[in-house]
């Protein structure tokens, strides 16, 4: 999975360039989150019901993953 540090605080973003950078940062973070959720669902969907049961999930749980994400 992709790693993207979202805990950094942007300093000196009071100008137009800073606000544009923050917007781009937010957009990239949203895209990376969407891709992580997509890949997780894809991998879990490929598992059998027995394999899902072994890790404590069911088919319905796979559909619920990332449901609260704004891009999903």
N, C-alpha and C. Protein backbone atom coordinates (compact mmCIF):
# COMPACT_ATOMS: atom_id res chain seq x y z
N UNK A 1 0.83 -1.19 0.00
CA UNK A 1 0.00 0.00 0.00
C UNK A 1 0.87 1.24 0.00
N UNK A 2 0.32 2.28 -0.50
CA UNK A 2 1.05 3.54 -0.55
C UNK A 2 1.06 4.18 0.83
N UNK A 3 2.14 4.84 1.14
CA UNK A 3 2.25 5.54 2.41
C UNK A 3 2.28 7.04 2.14
N UNK A 4 1.45 7.77 2.83
CA UNK A 4 1.38 9.20 2.64
C UNK A 4 1.21 9.84 4.00
N UNK A 5 2.14 10.68 4.39
CA UNK A 5 2.12 11.29 5.71
C UNK A 5 1.11 12.43 5.73
N UNK A 6 0.04 12.25 6.47
CA UNK A 6 -0.99 13.29 6.57
C UNK A 6 -0.92 14.02 7.89
N UNK A 7 0.12 13.75 8.69
CA UNK A 7 0.21 14.40 9.99
C UNK A 7 1.06 15.66 9.97
N UNK A 8 1.65 15.97 8.87
CA UNK A 8 2.45 17.18 8.80
C UNK A 8 1.56 18.41 8.85
N UNK A 9 2.07 19.43 9.47
CA UNK A 9 1.34 20.69 9.49
C UNK A 9 2.01 21.63 8.49
N UNK A 10 1.22 22.24 7.69
CA UNK A 10 1.76 23.17 6.70
C UNK A 10 2.03 24.51 7.38
N UNK A 11 3.24 24.98 7.27
CA UNK A 11 3.60 26.24 7.88
C UNK A 11 3.83 27.28 6.78
N UNK A 12 3.37 28.44 7.03
CA UNK A 12 3.54 29.50 6.05
C UNK A 12 2.61 29.36 4.86
N UNK A 13 1.42 28.86 5.09
CA UNK A 13 0.48 28.66 3.98
C UNK A 13 -0.55 29.77 3.89
N UNK A 14 -0.19 30.94 4.33
CA UNK A 14 -1.15 32.03 4.30
C UNK A 14 -1.28 32.65 2.92
N UNK A 15 -0.29 32.47 2.08
CA UNK A 15 -0.35 33.06 0.75
C UNK A 15 -1.07 32.17 -0.24
N UNK A 16 -1.23 32.69 -1.42
CA UNK A 16 -1.92 31.96 -2.49
C UNK A 16 -1.19 30.67 -2.84
N UNK A 17 0.12 30.72 -2.95
CA UNK A 17 0.90 29.53 -3.29
C UNK A 17 0.74 28.48 -2.20
N UNK A 18 0.75 28.89 -0.94
CA UNK A 18 0.56 27.96 0.17
C UNK A 18 -0.80 27.30 0.14
N UNK A 19 -1.83 28.06 -0.18
CA UNK A 19 -3.18 27.51 -0.25
C UNK A 19 -3.33 26.57 -1.42
N UNK A 20 -2.70 26.88 -2.54
CA UNK A 20 -2.73 25.98 -3.69
C UNK A 20 -2.00 24.68 -3.35
N UNK A 21 -0.87 24.81 -2.67
CA UNK A 21 -0.13 23.62 -2.25
C UNK A 21 -0.94 22.76 -1.30
N UNK A 22 -1.65 23.38 -0.38
CA UNK A 22 -2.50 22.64 0.55
C UNK A 22 -3.63 21.93 -0.19
N UNK A 23 -4.19 22.59 -1.20
CA UNK A 23 -5.25 21.98 -2.00
C UNK A 23 -4.72 20.77 -2.76
N UNK A 24 -3.55 20.91 -3.36
CA UNK A 24 -2.94 19.79 -4.07
C UNK A 24 -2.64 18.66 -3.10
N UNK A 25 -2.14 18.98 -1.92
CA UNK A 25 -1.84 17.98 -0.91
C UNK A 25 -3.11 17.21 -0.51
N UNK A 26 -4.20 17.92 -0.30
CA UNK A 26 -5.46 17.30 0.05
C UNK A 26 -5.96 16.41 -1.08
N UNK A 27 -5.84 16.86 -2.30
CA UNK A 27 -6.28 16.09 -3.46
C UNK A 27 -5.46 14.81 -3.60
N UNK A 28 -4.16 14.91 -3.46
CA UNK A 28 -3.29 13.73 -3.57
C UNK A 28 -3.61 12.74 -2.45
N UNK A 29 -3.83 13.24 -1.24
CA UNK A 29 -4.16 12.36 -0.12
C UNK A 29 -5.47 11.62 -0.38
N UNK A 30 -6.46 12.31 -0.94
CA UNK A 30 -7.74 11.68 -1.24
C UNK A 30 -7.58 10.60 -2.30
N UNK A 31 -6.80 10.86 -3.32
CA UNK A 31 -6.56 9.87 -4.38
C UNK A 31 -5.83 8.66 -3.82
N UNK A 32 -4.83 8.87 -2.98
CA UNK A 32 -4.09 7.75 -2.39
C UNK A 32 -4.98 6.91 -1.47
N UNK A 33 -5.84 7.57 -0.72
CA UNK A 33 -6.78 6.85 0.14
C UNK A 33 -7.74 6.03 -0.69
N UNK A 34 -8.27 6.60 -1.74
CA UNK A 34 -9.18 5.89 -2.64
C UNK A 34 -8.50 4.66 -3.22
N UNK A 35 -7.25 4.81 -3.66
CA UNK A 35 -6.54 3.69 -4.25
C UNK A 35 -6.27 2.60 -3.22
N UNK A 36 -5.93 2.97 -1.99
CA UNK A 36 -5.71 1.97 -0.93
C UNK A 36 -6.99 1.17 -0.68
N UNK A 37 -8.11 1.86 -0.59
CA UNK A 37 -9.39 1.18 -0.37
C UNK A 37 -9.71 0.27 -1.55
N UNK A 38 -9.48 0.74 -2.76
CA UNK A 38 -9.75 -0.06 -3.96
C UNK A 38 -8.92 -1.33 -3.97
N UNK A 39 -7.63 -1.19 -3.69
CA UNK A 39 -6.75 -2.35 -3.70
C UNK A 39 -7.09 -3.33 -2.57
N UNK A 40 -7.45 -2.82 -1.41
CA UNK A 40 -7.83 -3.68 -0.29
C UNK A 40 -9.07 -4.48 -0.64
N UNK A 41 -10.07 -3.81 -1.20
CA UNK A 41 -11.29 -4.52 -1.62
C UNK A 41 -10.99 -5.57 -2.68
N UNK A 42 -10.12 -5.24 -3.61
CA UNK A 42 -9.78 -6.17 -4.68
C UNK A 42 -9.13 -7.43 -4.12
N UNK A 43 -8.18 -7.25 -3.21
CA UNK A 43 -7.48 -8.39 -2.63
C UNK A 43 -8.43 -9.22 -1.78
N UNK A 44 -9.24 -8.57 -0.94
CA UNK A 44 -10.17 -9.31 -0.09
C UNK A 44 -11.25 -10.02 -0.90
N UNK A 45 -11.67 -9.43 -2.00
CA UNK A 45 -12.68 -10.06 -2.85
C UNK A 45 -12.16 -11.34 -3.50
N UNK A 46 -10.86 -11.42 -3.68
CA UNK A 46 -10.26 -12.60 -4.30
C UNK A 46 -10.15 -13.77 -3.33
N UNK A 47 -10.31 -13.51 -2.02
CA UNK A 47 -10.22 -14.58 -1.03
C UNK A 47 -11.49 -15.42 -1.02
N UNK A 48 -11.34 -16.66 -0.62
CA UNK A 48 -12.50 -17.54 -0.47
C UNK A 48 -13.23 -17.19 0.82
N UNK A 49 -14.46 -17.70 0.95
CA UNK A 49 -15.22 -17.47 2.18
C UNK A 49 -14.49 -18.04 3.39
N UNK A 50 -13.83 -19.16 3.21
CA UNK A 50 -13.08 -19.78 4.31
C UNK A 50 -11.92 -18.88 4.72
N UNK A 51 -11.20 -18.34 3.76
CA UNK A 51 -10.07 -17.46 4.08
C UNK A 51 -10.54 -16.18 4.76
N UNK A 52 -11.66 -15.65 4.31
CA UNK A 52 -12.21 -14.46 4.96
C UNK A 52 -12.62 -14.78 6.39
N UNK A 53 -13.22 -15.94 6.59
CA UNK A 53 -13.62 -16.36 7.93
C UNK A 53 -12.41 -16.50 8.85
N UNK A 54 -11.29 -16.97 8.31
CA UNK A 54 -10.08 -17.12 9.11
C UNK A 54 -9.57 -15.79 9.65
N UNK A 55 -9.80 -14.72 8.92
CA UNK A 55 -9.34 -13.40 9.39
C UNK A 55 -10.47 -12.60 10.02
N UNK A 56 -11.61 -13.26 10.23
CA UNK A 56 -12.72 -12.63 10.96
C UNK A 56 -13.59 -11.72 10.12
N UNK A 57 -13.64 -11.95 8.82
CA UNK A 57 -14.47 -11.13 7.93
C UNK A 57 -15.47 -11.99 7.19
N UNK A 58 -16.48 -11.36 6.63
CA UNK A 58 -17.43 -12.03 5.75
C UNK A 58 -17.51 -11.24 4.44
N UNK A 59 -18.22 -11.78 3.47
CA UNK A 59 -18.35 -11.07 2.18
C UNK A 59 -18.95 -9.68 2.36
N UNK A 60 -19.91 -9.56 3.24
CA UNK A 60 -20.54 -8.25 3.49
C UNK A 60 -19.59 -7.24 4.09
N UNK A 61 -18.62 -7.73 4.86
CA UNK A 61 -17.64 -6.82 5.46
C UNK A 61 -16.74 -6.21 4.39
N UNK A 62 -16.47 -6.95 3.34
CA UNK A 62 -15.61 -6.45 2.26
C UNK A 62 -16.27 -5.25 1.59
N UNK A 63 -17.59 -5.33 1.39
CA UNK A 63 -18.30 -4.22 0.76
C UNK A 63 -18.33 -2.98 1.64
N UNK A 64 -18.27 -3.17 2.96
CA UNK A 64 -18.35 -2.05 3.89
C UNK A 64 -17.01 -1.33 4.06
N UNK A 65 -15.94 -1.93 3.61
CA UNK A 65 -14.63 -1.31 3.78
C UNK A 65 -14.55 -0.03 2.95
N UNK A 66 -14.23 1.05 3.61
CA UNK A 66 -14.08 2.33 2.93
C UNK A 66 -15.40 3.00 2.57
N UNK A 67 -16.51 2.51 3.10
CA UNK A 67 -17.81 3.09 2.75
C UNK A 67 -17.94 4.53 3.21
N UNK A 68 -17.18 4.92 4.24
CA UNK A 68 -17.26 6.30 4.73
C UNK A 68 -16.28 7.22 4.03
N UNK A 69 -15.51 6.67 3.08
CA UNK A 69 -14.57 7.49 2.33
C UNK A 69 -15.33 8.35 1.32
N UNK A 70 -14.98 9.62 1.15
CA UNK A 70 -15.75 10.51 0.27
C UNK A 70 -15.67 10.14 -1.22
N UNK A 71 -14.62 9.43 -1.63
CA UNK A 71 -14.48 9.11 -3.05
C UNK A 71 -14.99 7.74 -3.41
N UNK A 72 -15.40 6.96 -2.42
CA UNK A 72 -15.84 5.59 -2.68
C UNK A 72 -17.32 5.56 -2.88
